């Protein structure tokens, strides 16, 4: 915990500082949600095809990024909101505008009570 997934358009691959974003995001999760630094894990998943509205996807004029943070239950709605706002701010800092319109979103979810992890 936390389990962080970052889905993003491959359109923004060269404009997205994923390393810097992950480091800053992990620091924010520690500060805001009282997570342990060594517990922060992020998975980045580029999407080769994304579509926006009625625009032609081949023009690649739009990029989409959505960040999902799964936390153990117990955080207040205020903490979750503060964390999603921090994520959006960090995306502004770590994605260069490179000829596309960026559509960014984030959400915090409580992990199901069945959540378990394994390390070896």
Foldseek 3Di string as FASTA:
>chain_A
DWEKEKEKECLQVVQFPVVVLQVQLLVLCCVLVVDDSVVDDYDYHYDPFDDDDPDDRVVVQEMEMEMEIEDAPDDDPVSFVVSFVVSVVSRVVGGDDDRHHYDYGYGYHYDDPVDDDDDD
